[in-house]
Amino acid sequence: MQLPDTRWSDRLFLVLAVGAALFALFMHYGIAKTSVSRAEWAKPAKHIQKHFRKGDAVAILPHWALMGAEKLNGLPVLYAEHLANEDLSRYRRLWVLVAPRLGKWWFRHAFKGTLSQMDARYWQKYKDVKSFGKLELYLYKLPYRPALFDFLAKNNLRKAEVGLEKPVLSRRETTCKARTSSEITWMRRWNERRGRFMGKGRYFFGRIIQEIDNTPRDCLWAQPKRCQVLRVRYKNVPLTGRLKIGHGFTTPTPGRGLTPSIRIKGAGVELALYVEEQFVAKWETSMGKRWRDHWIDLSKWKFAYKKGTVEFRIQTPMLSHSRTGYCFQASLRKNDASQPKVRIPAARASKTSTPTKRPVKRAPANMTPVQMTPLKK
């Protein structure tokens, strides 16, 4: 075939058009070849429902394969982009439903790394993978830490004291220096249906589901105001165990009607923890950082009573800005967690070499066992 005598630009356009058409056919064939039907998703879903226990959860890889959750009928499903980095200690076991052929050519490496991290951190109950046609099913035993106190629970949130602390002498032109004798405006209106404390105007503090790091998170929406400190105080909290705190900024959204408005740029947010009016720790985060989890062992602190007050104070650095889009979680867990077993791959010995025996050092009989933690590289 001989092309007509045209300009080079017309020939280039023809080549690009043919290339785009071939690429579209390739993508269409790839999607049709690697697609998973609803009937195929239903097979492992029935197996999960049959062997599901209290305290289990289900995750799907890749996380955007939402069709796999349709047949699970109300079971807790984790939609996490980075599954291995999430806090899974609130569950006893985790079912991971994997579609290795879904997006075989362009997405397969994205979730294979997650599986390798899960294998390294948690014990895989099934040594041989359960296969259901195009799908694979894994079951992991997790280091379960039962919750002693959930700060997001509605019955605990309803009893909390929420207020905005305003310094007595505030210099709004530059910064606002906090004083010991300050004025606190407590939020008295409680919305039972939404689980929020309502302030003046459209301001509120309460439970909300927001997308953070491409992962929907159930958290407490906390908006610090300029020259004010948001104080959230809980009473009759067990002062033992490990306090787990996670916080971060939500994904920018328009915020008209569905979600609060979020400004992408701005100052960071400081979260301070006080227990029985004693300062314990402080963390700071900004828009550029991911969701972060922190652990505080309250058993190392000496308190006069077994139960007391736990207070969170949220503000912007130097109290010089207002900030929206900040959200945090908090829960109190038990210390005695059942640690998962770690699988260590055995080294393969060659046929010609003979294994050498190494002397085994035995511990004294009077030595108490200690928990071993992996060394940092």
Foldseek 3Di string as FASTA:
>chain_A
DDDDPDDPVVVVVVVVVVVVVVVVVVVVVLQVVQDDDLVLLQVVLVVCVVPPDPQEEEEEPPLPPCSSCPNNVPGHYFRDQQVLPDPSQQGFKYKYKYQQSRVVPHCNVSCVVSVVSCQQAWPWPDPDWDDRDRMTMTMTGAQHWHFQFWCQDLVQLVPKKKWKWAAPDQDLVAFGDHDPDIDIDIQDDADSVQSWGDDPDRDIWHWDWAQFNNTTDTWIWDWAAFRIKIKIKTWFGFQFAKKKKKKAFGDADCDDPPHHHFDQDDFWKKKWKDWPNHTDDIDIDHNVDGIDMDMDGSVVDDDPDRIGMMMIIMATVSSNHIHGRMTMTITGTHDPTDRGDRDDDDDDDDPPDDDDDDDDDDDDPPDDDDDDDDDDD
